[in-house]
PDB file of N, CA and C in Angstrom:
ATOM      1  N   PHE A   1       3.475 -14.594 -25.026  1.00  0.00           N
ATOM      2  CA  PHE A   1       3.191 -13.891 -23.793  1.00  0.00           C
ATOM      3  C   PHE A   1       4.033 -14.481 -22.657  1.00  0.00           C
ATOM      4  N   ASP A   2       4.427 -13.624 -21.751  1.00  0.00           N
ATOM      5  CA  ASP A   2       5.197 -14.042 -20.584  1.00  0.00           C
ATOM      6  C   ASP A   2       4.243 -14.724 -19.609  1.00  0.00           C
ATOM      7  N   GLU A   3       4.482 -15.987 -19.310  1.00  0.00           N
ATOM      8  CA  GLU A   3       3.573 -16.766 -18.471  1.00  0.00           C
ATOM      9  C   GLU A   3       3.563 -16.325 -17.011  1.00  0.00           C
ATOM     10  N   ARG A   4       4.485 -15.465 -16.603  1.00  0.00           N
ATOM     11  CA  ARG A   4       4.481 -14.965 -15.225  1.00  0.00           C
ATOM     12  C   ARG A   4       3.305 -14.032 -14.959  1.00  0.00           C
ATOM     13  N   PHE A   5       2.730 -13.465 -16.016  1.00  0.00           N
ATOM     14  CA  PHE A   5       1.567 -12.590 -15.869  1.00  0.00           C
ATOM     15  C   PHE A   5       0.311 -13.452 -15.970  1.00  0.00           C
ATOM     16  N   PHE A   6      -0.318 -13.688 -14.812  1.00  0.00           N
ATOM     17  CA  PHE A   6      -1.523 -14.525 -14.797  1.00  0.00           C
ATOM     18  C   PHE A   6      -2.688 -13.791 -15.452  1.00  0.00           C
ATOM     19  N   LEU A   7      -2.927 -12.596 -15.017  1.00  0.00           N
ATOM     20  CA  LEU A   7      -3.933 -11.707 -15.592  1.00  0.00           C
ATOM     21  C   LEU A   7      -3.357 -10.296 -15.566  1.00  0.00           C
ATOM     22  N   TYR A   8      -3.743  -9.488 -16.491  1.00  0.00           N
ATOM     23  CA  TYR A   8      -3.375  -8.072 -16.521  1.00  0.00           C
ATOM     24  C   TYR A   8      -1.884  -7.867 -16.853  1.00  0.00           C
ATOM     25  N   PHE A   9      -1.628  -6.890 -17.673  1.00  0.00           N
ATOM     26  CA  PHE A   9      -0.307  -6.426 -18.082  1.00  0.00           C
ATOM     27  C   PHE A   9       0.404  -7.360 -19.049  1.00  0.00           C
ATOM     28  N   GLU A  10      -0.159  -8.531 -19.352  1.00  0.00           N
ATOM     29  CA  GLU A  10       0.520  -9.413 -20.295  1.00  0.00           C
ATOM     30  C   GLU A  10       0.588  -8.786 -21.683  1.00  0.00           C
ATOM     31  N   GLU A  11      -0.459  -8.044 -22.063  1.00  0.00           N
ATOM     32  CA  GLU A  11      -0.451  -7.401 -23.380  1.00  0.00           C
ATOM     33  C   GLU A  11       0.456  -6.173 -23.393  1.00  0.00           C
ATOM     34  N   VAL A  12       0.573  -5.487 -22.275  1.00  0.00           N
ATOM     35  CA  VAL A  12       1.479  -4.336 -22.178  1.00  0.00           C
ATOM     36  C   VAL A  12       2.918  -4.823 -22.295  1.00  0.00           C
ATOM     37  N   ASP A  13       3.236  -5.895 -21.591  1.00  0.00           N
ATOM     38  CA  ASP A  13       4.570  -6.489 -21.661  1.00  0.00           C
ATOM     39  C   ASP A  13       4.884  -6.962 -23.074  1.00  0.00           C
ATOM     40  N   PHE A  14       3.926  -7.633 -23.698  1.00  0.00           N
ATOM     41  CA  PHE A  14       4.129  -8.127 -25.065  1.00  0.00           C
ATOM     42  C   PHE A  14       4.381  -6.968 -26.034  1.00  0.00           C
ATOM     43  N   SER A  15       3.574  -5.928 -25.921  1.00  0.00           N
ATOM     44  CA  SER A  15       3.738  -4.761 -26.800  1.00  0.00           C
ATOM     45  C   SER A  15       5.086  -4.083 -26.587  1.00  0.00           C
ATOM     46  N   PHE A  16       5.505  -3.946 -25.350  1.00  0.00           N
ATOM     47  CA  PHE A  16       6.783  -3.306 -25.044  1.00  0.00           C
ATOM     48  C   PHE A  16       7.943  -4.120 -25.606  1.00  0.00           C
ATOM     49  N   ARG A  17       7.918  -5.443 -25.395  1.00  0.00           N
ATOM     50  CA  ARG A  17       8.994  -6.286 -25.906  1.00  0.00           C
ATOM     51  C   ARG A  17       8.999  -6.325 -27.429  1.00  0.00           C
ATOM     52  N   SER A  18       7.821  -6.291 -28.030  1.00  0.00           N
ATOM     53  CA  SER A  18       7.732  -6.255 -29.500  1.00  0.00           C
ATOM     54  C   SER A  18       8.371  -4.988 -30.050  1.00  0.00           C
ATOM     55  N   LYS A  19       8.096  -3.859 -29.408  1.00  0.00           N
ATOM     56  CA  LYS A  19       8.679  -2.592 -29.839  1.00  0.00           C
ATOM     57  C   LYS A  19      10.201  -2.622 -29.698  1.00  0.00           C
ATOM     58  N   GLN A  20      10.696  -3.263 -28.647  1.00  0.00           N
ATOM     59  CA  GLN A  20      12.138  -3.345 -28.433  1.00  0.00           C
ATOM     60  C   GLN A  20      12.858  -4.084 -29.557  1.00  0.00           C
ATOM     61  N   ILE A  21      12.175  -5.037 -30.196  1.00  0.00           N
ATOM     62  CA  ILE A  21      12.828  -5.782 -31.292  1.00  0.00           C
ATOM     63  C   ILE A  21      12.448  -5.233 -32.669  1.00  0.00           C
ATOM     64  N   GLY A  22      11.816  -4.065 -32.686  1.00  0.00           N
ATOM     65  CA  GLY A  22      11.560  -3.393 -33.950  1.00  0.00           C
ATOM     66  C   GLY A  22      10.181  -3.590 -34.541  1.00  0.00           C
ATOM     67  N   TRP A  23       9.326  -4.315 -33.905  1.00  0.00           N
ATOM     68  CA  TRP A  23       7.966  -4.477 -34.400  1.00  0.00           C
ATOM     69  C   TRP A  23       7.153  -3.249 -34.028  1.00  0.00           C
ATOM     70  N   SER A  24       6.039  -3.081 -34.691  1.00  0.00           N
ATOM     71  CA  SER A  24       5.181  -1.948 -34.346  1.00  0.00           C
ATOM     72  C   SER A  24       3.742  -2.427 -34.201  1.00  0.00           C
ATOM     73  N   SER A  25       2.994  -1.664 -33.455  1.00  0.00           N
ATOM     74  CA  SER A  25       1.568  -1.949 -33.290  1.00  0.00           C
ATOM     75  C   SER A  25       0.801  -1.149 -34.323  1.00  0.00           C
ATOM     76  N   VAL A  26      -0.317  -1.695 -34.740  1.00  0.00           N
ATOM     77  CA  VAL A  26      -1.150  -1.032 -35.729  1.00  0.00           C
ATOM     78  C   VAL A  26      -2.544  -0.871 -35.142  1.00  0.00           C
ATOM     79  N   TYR A  27      -3.090   0.316 -35.289  1.00  0.00           N
ATOM     80  CA  TYR A  27      -4.447   0.603 -34.838  1.00  0.00           C
ATOM     81  C   TYR A  27      -5.369   0.517 -36.046  1.00  0.00           C
ATOM     82  N   LEU A  28      -6.308  -0.384 -35.996  1.00  0.00           N
ATOM     83  CA  LEU A  28      -7.247  -0.571 -37.092  1.00  0.00           C
ATOM     84  C   LEU A  28      -8.608  -0.038 -36.641  1.00  0.00           C
ATOM     85  N   ALA A  29      -8.925   1.189 -37.046  1.00  0.00           N
ATOM     86  CA  ALA A  29     -10.135   1.867 -36.577  1.00  0.00           C
ATOM     87  C   ALA A  29     -11.415   1.158 -37.007  1.00  0.00           C
ATOM     88  N   SER A  30     -11.371   0.418 -38.078  1.00  0.00           N
ATOM     89  CA  SER A  30     -12.592  -0.232 -38.558  1.00  0.00           C
ATOM     90  C   SER A  30     -12.899  -1.536 -37.810  1.00  0.00           C
ATOM     91  N   ALA A  31     -11.959  -2.040 -37.040  1.00  0.00           N
ATOM     92  CA  ALA A  31     -12.194  -3.278 -36.291  1.00  0.00           C
ATOM     93  C   ALA A  31     -13.122  -3.011 -35.109  1.00  0.00           C
ATOM     94  N   GLN A  32     -13.956  -3.989 -34.803  1.00  0.00           N
ATOM     95  CA  GLN A  32     -14.871  -3.850 -33.684  1.00  0.00           C
ATOM     96  C   GLN A  32     -14.800  -5.101 -32.819  1.00  0.00           C
ATOM     97  N   ALA A  33     -14.942  -4.880 -31.520  1.00  0.00           N
ATOM     98  CA  ALA A  33     -14.968  -5.997 -30.578  1.00  0.00           C
ATOM     99  C   ALA A  33     -15.859  -5.616 -29.409  1.00  0.00           C
ATOM    100  N   PHE A  34     -16.427  -6.602 -28.799  1.00  0.00           N
ATOM    101  CA  PHE A  34     -17.232  -6.370 -27.602  1.00  0.00           C
ATOM    102  C   PHE A  34     -16.533  -7.079 -26.449  1.00  0.00           C
ATOM    103  N   HIS A  35     -16.209  -6.328 -25.418  1.00  0.00           N
ATOM    104  CA  HIS A  35     -15.501  -6.883 -24.267  1.00  0.00           C
ATOM    105  C   HIS A  35     -16.340  -6.700 -23.018  1.00  0.00           C
ATOM    106  N   VAL A  36     -16.645  -7.799 -22.357  1.00  0.00           N
ATOM    107  CA  VAL A  36     -17.349  -7.728 -21.095  1.00  0.00           C
ATOM    108  C   VAL A  36     -16.275  -7.535 -20.038  1.00  0.00           C
ATOM    109  N   GLY A  37     -16.143  -6.324 -19.541  1.00  0.00           N
ATOM    110  CA  GLY A  37     -15.101  -6.004 -18.579  1.00  0.00           C
ATOM    111  C   GLY A  37     -15.206  -6.819 -17.311  1.00  0.00           C
ATOM    112  N   GLY A  38     -14.053  -7.318 -16.865  1.00  0.00           N
ATOM    113  CA  GLY A  38     -14.003  -8.055 -15.611  1.00  0.00           C
ATOM    114  C   GLY A  38     -14.607  -9.445 -15.678  1.00  0.00           C
ATOM    115  N   GLY A  39     -14.773  -9.992 -16.853  1.00  0.00           N
ATOM    116  CA  GLY A  39     -15.388 -11.308 -16.983  1.00  0.00           C
ATOM    117  C   GLY A  39     -14.622 -12.403 -16.274  1.00  0.00           C
ATOM    118  N   ALA A  40     -13.299 -12.297 -16.252  1.00  0.00           N
ATOM    119  CA  ALA A  40     -12.474 -13.329 -15.627  1.00  0.00           C
ATOM    120  C   ALA A  40     -12.477 -13.232 -14.109  1.00  0.00           C
ATOM    121  N   SER A  41     -12.780 -12.059 -13.578  1.00  0.00           N
ATOM    122  CA  SER A  41     -12.665 -11.902 -12.124  1.00  0.00           C
ATOM    123  C   SER A  41     -13.776 -11.045 -11.537  1.00  0.00           C
ATOM    124  N   TYR A  42     -14.906 -10.979 -12.191  1.00  0.00           N
ATOM    125  CA  TYR A  42     -15.977 -10.092 -11.765  1.00  0.00           C
ATOM    126  C   TYR A  42     -16.516 -10.462 -10.388  1.00  0.00           C
ATOM    127  N   GLN A  43     -16.625 -11.758 -10.113  1.00  0.00           N
ATOM    128  CA  GLN A  43     -17.266 -12.201  -8.880  1.00  0.00           C
ATOM    129  C   GLN A  43     -16.452 -11.898  -7.620  1.00  0.00           C
ATOM    130  N   VAL A  44     -15.138 -11.924  -7.725  1.00  0.00           N
ATOM    131  CA  VAL A  44     -14.287 -11.753  -6.553  1.00  0.00           C
ATOM    132  C   VAL A  44     -13.408 -10.523  -6.771  1.00  0.00           C
ATOM    133  N   LYS A  45     -13.903  -9.376  -6.341  1.00  0.00           N
ATOM    134  CA  LYS A  45     -13.224  -8.116  -6.625  1.00  0.00           C
ATOM    135  C   LYS A  45     -11.890  -7.999  -5.909  1.00  0.00           C
ATOM    136  N   SER A  46     -11.749  -8.592  -4.733  1.00  0.00           N
ATOM    137  CA  SER A  46     -10.457  -8.534  -4.050  1.00  0.00           C
ATOM    138  C   SER A  46      -9.406  -9.302  -4.846  1.00  0.00           C
ATOM    139  N   ASN A  47      -9.778 -10.422  -5.449  1.00  0.00           N
ATOM    140  CA  ASN A  47      -8.832 -11.159  -6.302  1.00  0.00           C
ATOM    141  C   ASN A  47      -8.450 -10.342  -7.524  1.00  0.00           C
ATOM    142  N   ARG A  48      -9.430  -9.682  -8.110  1.00  0.00           N
ATOM    143  CA  ARG A  48      -9.164  -8.854  -9.293  1.00  0.00           C
ATOM    144  C   ARG A  48      -8.176  -7.751  -8.954  1.00  0.00           C
ATOM    145  N   LEU A  49      -8.373  -7.092  -7.838  1.00  0.00           N
ATOM    146  CA  LEU A  49      -7.455  -6.031  -7.427  1.00  0.00           C
ATOM    147  C   LEU A  49      -6.069  -6.602  -7.141  1.00  0.00           C
ATOM    148  N   PHE A  50      -6.012  -7.720  -6.439  1.00  0.00           N
ATOM    149  CA  PHE A  50      -4.729  -8.361  -6.152  1.00  0.00           C
ATOM    150  C   PHE A  50      -3.974  -8.687  -7.434  1.00  0.00           C
ATOM    151  N   TYR A  51      -4.628  -9.357  -8.380  1.00  0.00           N
ATOM    152  CA  TYR A  51      -3.943  -9.735  -9.612  1.00  0.00           C
ATOM    153  C   TYR A  51      -3.515  -8.519 -10.431  1.00  0.00           C
ATOM    154  N   SER A  52      -4.317  -7.486 -10.418  1.00  0.00           N
ATOM    155  CA  SER A  52      -3.965  -6.268 -11.145  1.00  0.00           C
ATOM    156  C   SER A  52      -2.714  -5.614 -10.556  1.00  0.00           C
ATOM    157  N   ILE A  53      -2.689  -5.473  -9.235  1.00  0.00           N
ATOM    158  CA  ILE A  53      -1.533  -4.848  -8.590  1.00  0.00           C
ATOM    159  C   ILE A  53      -0.302  -5.740  -8.716  1.00  0.00           C
ATOM    160  N   ARG A  54      -0.491  -7.042  -8.529  1.00  0.00           N
ATOM    161  CA  ARG A  54       0.638  -7.967  -8.646  1.00  0.00           C
ATOM    162  C   ARG A  54       1.255  -7.900 -10.042  1.00  0.00           C
ATOM    163  N   SER A  55       0.422  -7.882 -11.065  1.00  0.00           N
ATOM    164  CA  SER A  55       0.937  -7.808 -12.431  1.00  0.00           C
ATOM    165  C   SER A  55       1.655  -6.490 -12.693  1.00  0.00           C
ATOM    166  N   ARG A  56       1.127  -5.409 -12.123  1.00  0.00           N
ATOM    167  CA  ARG A  56       1.800  -4.110 -12.262  1.00  0.00           C
ATOM    168  C   ARG A  56       3.202  -4.179 -11.647  1.00  0.00           C
ATOM    169  N   ILE A  57       3.287  -4.742 -10.456  1.00  0.00           N
ATOM    170  CA  ILE A  57       4.588  -4.857  -9.791  1.00  0.00           C
ATOM    171  C   ILE A  57       5.529  -5.740 -10.608  1.00  0.00           C
ATOM    172  N   GLN A  58       5.027  -6.838 -11.132  1.00  0.00           N
ATOM    173  CA  GLN A  58       5.860  -7.717 -11.958  1.00  0.00           C
ATOM    174  C   GLN A  58       6.376  -6.981 -13.197  1.00  0.00           C
ATOM    175  N   TYR A  59       5.492  -6.225 -13.834  1.00  0.00           N
ATOM    176  CA  TYR A  59       5.883  -5.477 -15.028  1.00  0.00           C
ATOM    177  C   TYR A  59       6.948  -4.438 -14.691  1.00  0.00           C
ATOM    178  N   VAL A  60       6.733  -3.702 -13.626  1.00  0.00           N
ATOM    179  CA  VAL A  60       7.680  -2.661 -13.219  1.00  0.00           C
ATOM    180  C   VAL A  60       9.033  -3.281 -12.887  1.00  0.00           C
ATOM    181  N   CYS A  61       9.032  -4.380 -12.148  1.00  0.00           N
ATOM    182  CA  CYS A  61      10.292  -5.038 -11.784  1.00  0.00           C
ATOM    183  C   CYS A  61      11.008  -5.602 -13.008  1.00  0.00           C
ATOM    184  N   LYS A  62      10.271  -5.954 -14.014  1.00  0.00           N
ATOM    185  CA  LYS A  62      10.871  -6.515 -15.230  1.00  0.00           C
ATOM    186  C   LYS A  62      11.483  -5.445 -16.127  1.00  0.00           C
ATOM    187  N   HIS A  63      10.872  -4.260 -16.185  1.00  0.00           N
ATOM    188  CA  HIS A  63      11.271  -3.284 -17.199  1.00  0.00           C
ATOM    189  C   HIS A  63      11.812  -1.953 -16.670  1.00  0.00           C
ATOM    190  N   PHE A  64      11.619  -1.647 -15.403  1.00  0.00           N
ATOM    191  CA  PHE A  64      12.000  -0.325 -14.894  1.00  0.00           C
ATOM    192  C   PHE A  64      13.346  -0.351 -14.190  1.00  0.00           C
ATOM    193  N   THR A  65      13.900   0.826 -13.975  1.00  0.00           N
ATOM    194  CA  THR A  65      15.153   0.973 -13.229  1.00  0.00           C
ATOM    195  C   THR A  65      14.873   0.774 -11.738  1.00  0.00           C
ATOM    196  N   PRO A  66      15.906   0.463 -10.942  1.00  0.00           N
ATOM    197  CA  PRO A  66      15.683   0.280  -9.504  1.00  0.00           C
ATOM    198  C   PRO A  66      14.995   1.476  -8.832  1.00  0.00           C
ATOM    199  N   PHE A  67      15.367   2.697  -9.198  1.00  0.00           N
ATOM    200  CA  PHE A  67      14.732   3.878  -8.604  1.00  0.00           C
ATOM    201  C   PHE A  67      13.238   3.902  -8.913  1.00  0.00           C
ATOM    202  N   LYS A  68      12.865   3.651 -10.152  1.00  0.00           N
ATOM    203  CA  LYS A  68      11.453   3.656 -10.541  1.00  0.00           C
ATOM    204  C   LYS A  68      10.688   2.512  -9.882  1.00  0.00           C
ATOM    205  N   ILE A  69      11.371   1.391  -9.648  1.00  0.00           N
ATOM    206  CA  ILE A  69      10.745   0.275  -8.941  1.00  0.00           C
ATOM    207  C   ILE A  69      10.403   0.698  -7.516  1.00  0.00           C
ATOM    208  N   VAL A  70      11.349   1.344  -6.840  1.00  0.00           N
ATOM    209  CA  VAL A  70      11.126   1.787  -5.454  1.00  0.00           C
ATOM    210  C   VAL A  70       9.984   2.796  -5.394  1.00  0.00           C
ATOM    211  N   VAL A  71       9.965   3.743  -6.307  1.00  0.00           N
ATOM    212  CA  VAL A  71       8.901   4.756  -6.324  1.00  0.00           C
ATOM    213  C   VAL A  71       7.541   4.096  -6.556  1.00  0.00           C
ATOM    214  N   THR A  72       7.486   3.171  -7.504  1.00  0.00           N
ATOM    215  CA  THR A  72       6.229   2.491  -7.802  1.00  0.00           C
ATOM    216  C   THR A  72       5.774   1.642  -6.621  1.00  0.00           C
ATOM    217  N   LEU A  73       6.692   0.930  -5.992  1.00  0.00           N
ATOM    218  CA  LEU A  73       6.341   0.124  -4.824  1.00  0.00           C
ATOM    219  C   LEU A  73       5.842   1.004  -3.682  1.00  0.00           C
ATOM    220  N   PHE A  74       6.503   2.133  -3.468  1.00  0.00           N
ATOM    221  CA  PHE A  74       6.058   3.048  -2.413  1.00  0.00           C
ATOM    222  C   PHE A  74       4.628   3.516  -2.677  1.00  0.00           C
ATOM    223  N   ALA A  75       4.378   3.967  -3.888  1.00  0.00           N
ATOM    224  CA  ALA A  75       3.035   4.461  -4.226  1.00  0.00           C
ATOM    225  C   ALA A  75       2.004   3.337  -4.153  1.00  0.00           C
ATOM    226  N   THR A  76       2.359   2.164  -4.632  1.00  0.00           N
ATOM    227  CA  THR A  76       1.435   1.039  -4.670  1.00  0.00           C
ATOM    228  C   THR A  76       1.113   0.501  -3.290  1.00  0.00           C
ATOM    229  N   LEU A  77       2.106   0.510  -2.400  1.00  0.00           N
ATOM    230  CA  LEU A  77       1.917  -0.099  -1.087  1.00  0.00           C
ATOM    231  C   LEU A  77       1.526   0.885   0.010  1.00  0.00           C
ATOM    232  N   SER A  78       1.565   2.184  -0.285  1.00  0.00           N
ATOM    233  CA  SER A  78       1.203   3.149   0.747  1.00  0.00           C
ATOM    234  C   SER A  78       0.123   4.120   0.277  1.00  0.00           C
ATOM    235  N   ILE A  79       0.390   4.847  -0.769  1.00  0.00           N
ATOM    236  CA  ILE A  79      -0.554   5.872  -1.231  1.00  0.00           C
ATOM    237  C   ILE A  79      -1.816   5.256  -1.825  1.00  0.00           C
ATOM    238  N   GLU A  80      -1.655   4.262  -2.661  1.00  0.00           N
ATOM    239  CA  GLU A  80      -2.817   3.677  -3.343  1.00  0.00           C
ATOM    240  C   GLU A  80      -3.827   3.040  -2.391  1.00  0.00           C
ATOM    241  N   PRO A  81      -3.416   2.197  -1.437  1.00  0.00           N
ATOM    242  CA  PRO A  81      -4.444   1.618  -0.566  1.00  0.00           C
ATOM    243  C   PRO A  81      -5.177   2.663   0.279  1.00  0.00           C
ATOM    244  N   ILE A  82      -4.445   3.664   0.720  1.00  0.00           N
ATOM    245  CA  ILE A  82      -5.091   4.731   1.504  1.00  0.00           C
ATOM    246  C   ILE A  82      -6.122   5.454   0.652  1.00  0.00           C
ATOM    247  N   SER A  83      -5.757   5.780  -0.577  1.00  0.00           N
ATOM    248  CA  SER A  83      -6.713   6.491  -1.441  1.00  0.00           C
ATOM    249  C   SER A  83      -7.912   5.606  -1.778  1.00  0.00           C
ATOM    250  N   ARG A  84      -7.689   4.319  -1.965  1.00  0.00           N
ATOM    251  CA  ARG A  84      -8.808   3.404  -2.246  1.00  0.00           C
ATOM    252  C   ARG A  84      -9.760   3.333  -1.052  1.00  0.00           C
ATOM    253  N   ILE A  85      -9.193   3.253   0.145  1.00  0.00           N
ATOM    254  CA  ILE A  85     -10.033   3.166   1.348  1.00  0.00           C
ATOM    255  C   ILE A  85     -10.788   4.473   1.573  1.00  0.00           C
ATOM    256  N   LEU A  86     -10.117   5.605   1.398  1.00  0.00           N
ATOM    257  CA  LEU A  86     -10.803   6.894   1.549  1.00  0.00           C
ATOM    258  C   LEU A  86     -11.933   7.048   0.538  1.00  0.00           C
ATOM    259  N   PHE A  87     -11.700   6.610  -0.679  1.00  0.00           N
ATOM    260  CA  PHE A  87     -12.744   6.658  -1.707  1.00  0.00           C
ATOM    261  C   PHE A  87     -13.926   5.786  -1.301  1.00  0.00           C
ATOM    262  N   SER A  88     -13.640   4.604  -0.765  1.00  0.00           N
ATOM    263  CA  SER A  88     -14.713   3.707  -0.320  1.00  0.00           C
ATOM    264  C   SER A  88     -15.483   4.295   0.852  1.00  0.00           C
ATOM    265  N   ILE A  89     -14.765   4.942   1.764  1.00  0.00           N
ATOM    266  CA  ILE A  89     -15.440   5.596   2.895  1.00  0.00           C
ATOM    267  C   ILE A  89     -16.349   6.711   2.397  1.00  0.00           C
ATOM    268  N   LYS A  90     -15.834   7.507   1.465  1.00  0.00           N
ATOM    269  CA  LYS A  90     -16.626   8.604   0.898  1.00  0.00           C
ATOM    270  C   LYS A  90     -17.906   8.072   0.258  1.00  0.00           C
ATOM    271  N   ASN A  91     -17.808   6.922  -0.407  1.00  0.00           N
ATOM    272  CA  ASN A  91     -18.964   6.325  -1.071  1.00  0.00           C
ATOM    273  C   ASN A  91     -19.756   5.391  -0.160  1.00  0.00           C
ATOM    274  N   LYS A  92     -19.356   5.348   1.113  1.00  0.00           N
ATOM    275  CA  LYS A  92     -20.050   4.536   2.110  1.00  0.00           C
ATOM    276  C   LYS A  92     -20.164   3.071   1.689  1.00  0.00           C
ATOM    277  N   SER A  93     -19.050   2.556   1.165  1.00  0.00           N
ATOM    278  CA  SER A  93     -19.033   1.178   0.684  1.00  0.00           C
ATOM    279  C   SER A  93     -18.134   0.323   1.571  1.00  0.00           C
ATOM    280  N   LEU A  94     -18.756  -0.272   2.592  1.00  0.00           N
ATOM    281  CA  LEU A  94     -18.000  -1.130   3.506  1.00  0.00           C
ATOM    282  C   LEU A  94     -17.443  -2.358   2.797  1.00  0.00           C
ATOM    283  N   ILE A  95     -18.172  -2.865   1.821  1.00  0.00           N
ATOM    284  CA  ILE A  95     -17.693  -4.041   1.084  1.00  0.00           C
ATOM    285  C   ILE A  95     -16.417  -3.711   0.307  1.00  0.00           C
ATOM    286  N   SER A  96     -16.335  -2.502  -0.258  1.00  0.00           N
ATOM    287  CA  SER A  96     -15.121  -2.100  -0.982  1.00  0.00           C
ATOM    288  C   SER A  96     -13.924  -1.974  -0.045  1.00  0.00           C
ATOM    289  N   ILE A  97     -14.172  -1.511   1.164  1.00  0.00           N
ATOM    290  CA  ILE A  97     -13.095  -1.422   2.151  1.00  0.00           C
ATOM    291  C   ILE A  97     -12.585  -2.826   2.463  1.00  0.00           C
ATOM    292  N   LYS A  98     -13.493  -3.744   2.692  1.00  0.00           N
ATOM    293  CA  LYS A  98     -13.124  -5.129   2.980  1.00  0.00           C
ATOM    294  C   LYS A  98     -12.358  -5.745   1.811  1.00  0.00           C
ATOM    295  N   GLU A  99     -12.847  -5.530   0.600  1.00  0.00           N
ATOM    296  CA  GLU A  99     -12.184  -6.086  -0.584  1.00  0.00           C
ATOM    297  C   GLU A  99     -10.782  -5.503  -0.755  1.00  0.00           C
ATOM    298  N   THR A 100     -10.626  -4.208  -0.472  1.00  0.00           N
ATOM    299  CA  THR A 100      -9.309  -3.581  -0.562  1.00  0.00           C
ATOM    300  C   THR A 100      -8.356  -4.198   0.452  1.00  0.00           C
ATOM    301  N   PHE A 101      -8.815  -4.346   1.691  1.00  0.00           N
ATOM    302  CA  PHE A 101      -7.977  -4.976   2.717  1.00  0.00           C
ATOM    303  C   PHE A 101      -7.593  -6.399   2.308  1.00  0.00           C
ATOM    304  N   ASN A 102      -8.561  -7.161   1.827  1.00  0.00           N
ATOM    305  CA  ASN A 102      -8.282  -8.541   1.417  1.00  0.00           C
ATOM    306  C   ASN A 102      -7.266  -8.594   0.282  1.00  0.00           C
ATOM    307  N   ALA A 103      -7.419  -7.709  -0.683  1.00  0.00           N
ATOM    308  CA  ALA A 103      -6.484  -7.685  -1.815  1.00  0.00           C
ATOM    309  C   ALA A 103      -5.067  -7.364  -1.352  1.00  0.00           C
ATOM    310  N   TYR A 104      -4.944  -6.392  -0.464  1.00  0.00           N
ATOM    311  CA  TYR A 104      -3.610  -6.018   0.007  1.00  0.00           C
ATOM    312  C   TYR A 104      -3.014  -7.065   0.941  1.00  0.00           C
ATOM    313  N   ILE A 105      -3.836  -7.781   1.671  1.00  0.00           N
ATOM    314  CA  ILE A 105      -3.326  -8.900   2.470  1.00  0.00           C
ATOM    315  C   ILE A 105      -2.752  -9.969   1.541  1.00  0.00           C
ATOM    316  N   MET A 106      -3.489 -10.295   0.471  1.00  0.00           N
ATOM    317  CA  MET A 106      -2.970 -11.263  -0.511  1.00  0.00           C
ATOM    318  C   MET A 106      -1.677 -10.760  -1.126  1.00  0.00           C
ATOM    319  N   LEU A 107      -1.623  -9.467  -1.429  1.00  0.00           N
ATOM    320  CA  LEU A 107      -0.432  -8.884  -2.044  1.00  0.00           C
ATOM    321  C   LEU A 107       0.768  -8.975  -1.111  1.00  0.00           C
ATOM    322  N   PHE A 108       0.587  -8.619   0.160  1.00  0.00           N
ATOM    323  CA  PHE A 108       1.692  -8.685   1.110  1.00  0.00           C
ATOM    324  C   PHE A 108       2.156 -10.121   1.314  1.00  0.00           C
ATOM    325  N   LYS A 109       1.238 -11.079   1.346  1.00  0.00           N
ATOM    326  CA  LYS A 109       1.620 -12.490   1.444  1.00  0.00           C
ATOM    327  C   LYS A 109       2.435 -12.911   0.234  1.00  0.00           C
ATOM    328  N   TRP A 110       2.017 -12.482  -0.949  1.00  0.00           N
ATOM    329  CA  TRP A 110       2.749 -12.796  -2.172  1.00  0.00           C
ATOM    330  C   TRP A 110       4.147 -12.182  -2.139  1.00  0.00           C
ATOM    331  N   LEU A 111       4.239 -10.923  -1.714  1.00  0.00           N
ATOM    332  CA  LEU A 111       5.538 -10.259  -1.632  1.00  0.00           C
ATOM    333  C   LEU A 111       6.464 -10.960  -0.640  1.00  0.00           C
ATOM    334  N   VAL A 112       5.942 -11.360   0.502  1.00  0.00           N
ATOM    335  CA  VAL A 112       6.750 -12.090   1.483  1.00  0.00           C
ATOM    336  C   VAL A 112       7.228 -13.405   0.880  1.00  0.00           C
ATOM    337  N   PHE A 113       6.344 -14.116   0.188  1.00  0.00           N
ATOM    338  CA  PHE A 113       6.717 -15.370  -0.467  1.00  0.00           C
ATOM    339  C   PHE A 113       7.834 -15.144  -1.473  1.00  0.00           C
ATOM    340  N   ILE A 114       7.737 -14.077  -2.266  1.00  0.00           N
ATOM    341  CA  ILE A 114       8.752 -13.774  -3.282  1.00  0.00           C
ATOM    342  C   ILE A 114      10.087 -13.459  -2.599  1.00  0.00           C
ATOM    343  N   ILE A 115      10.043 -12.701  -1.530  1.00  0.00           N
ATOM    344  CA  ILE A 115      11.281 -12.333  -0.821  1.00  0.00           C
ATOM    345  C   ILE A 115      11.924 -13.580  -0.208  1.00  0.00           C
ATOM    346  N   ILE A 116      11.136 -14.430   0.425  1.00  0.00           N
ATOM    347  CA  ILE A 116      11.663 -15.643   1.048  1.00  0.00           C
ATOM    348  C   ILE A 116      12.202 -16.588  -0.022  1.00  0.00           C
ATOM    349  N   LYS A 117      11.513 -16.665  -1.142  1.00  0.00           N
ATOM    350  CA  LYS A 117      11.904 -17.565  -2.234  1.00  0.00           C
ATOM    351  C   LYS A 117      13.295 -17.216  -2.768  1.00  0.00           C
ATOM    352  N   LYS A 118      13.615 -15.920  -2.798  1.00  0.00           N
ATOM    353  CA  LYS A 118      14.911 -15.486  -3.307  1.00  0.00           C
ATOM    354  C   LYS A 118      15.932 -15.664  -2.216  1.00  0.00           C
TER     355      LYS A 118
END
């Protein structure tokens, strides 16, 4: 696994790179597993959202063309937060609005750090 992915998208990246070198994935219908969703980040939803979006951006920057990177960044940094906030307003969830703002603040700080680092 690529260690740059802290949480989320590490398995997508692994599967994509495996396919590139000729390996294939196998679906075993008889296998069973129980997954408690969000176990690693259930308590802090703004962190979960931040890590999810950050990993998506990392994956896109690693595998997509520059045009697709720009489109994904535009949607992720403009359309997605607005839709998340509108959804939270519709559901009258002030905590979700706060968590969304916090996640995007962390994301913008991370992006600034990455830009300055380069």
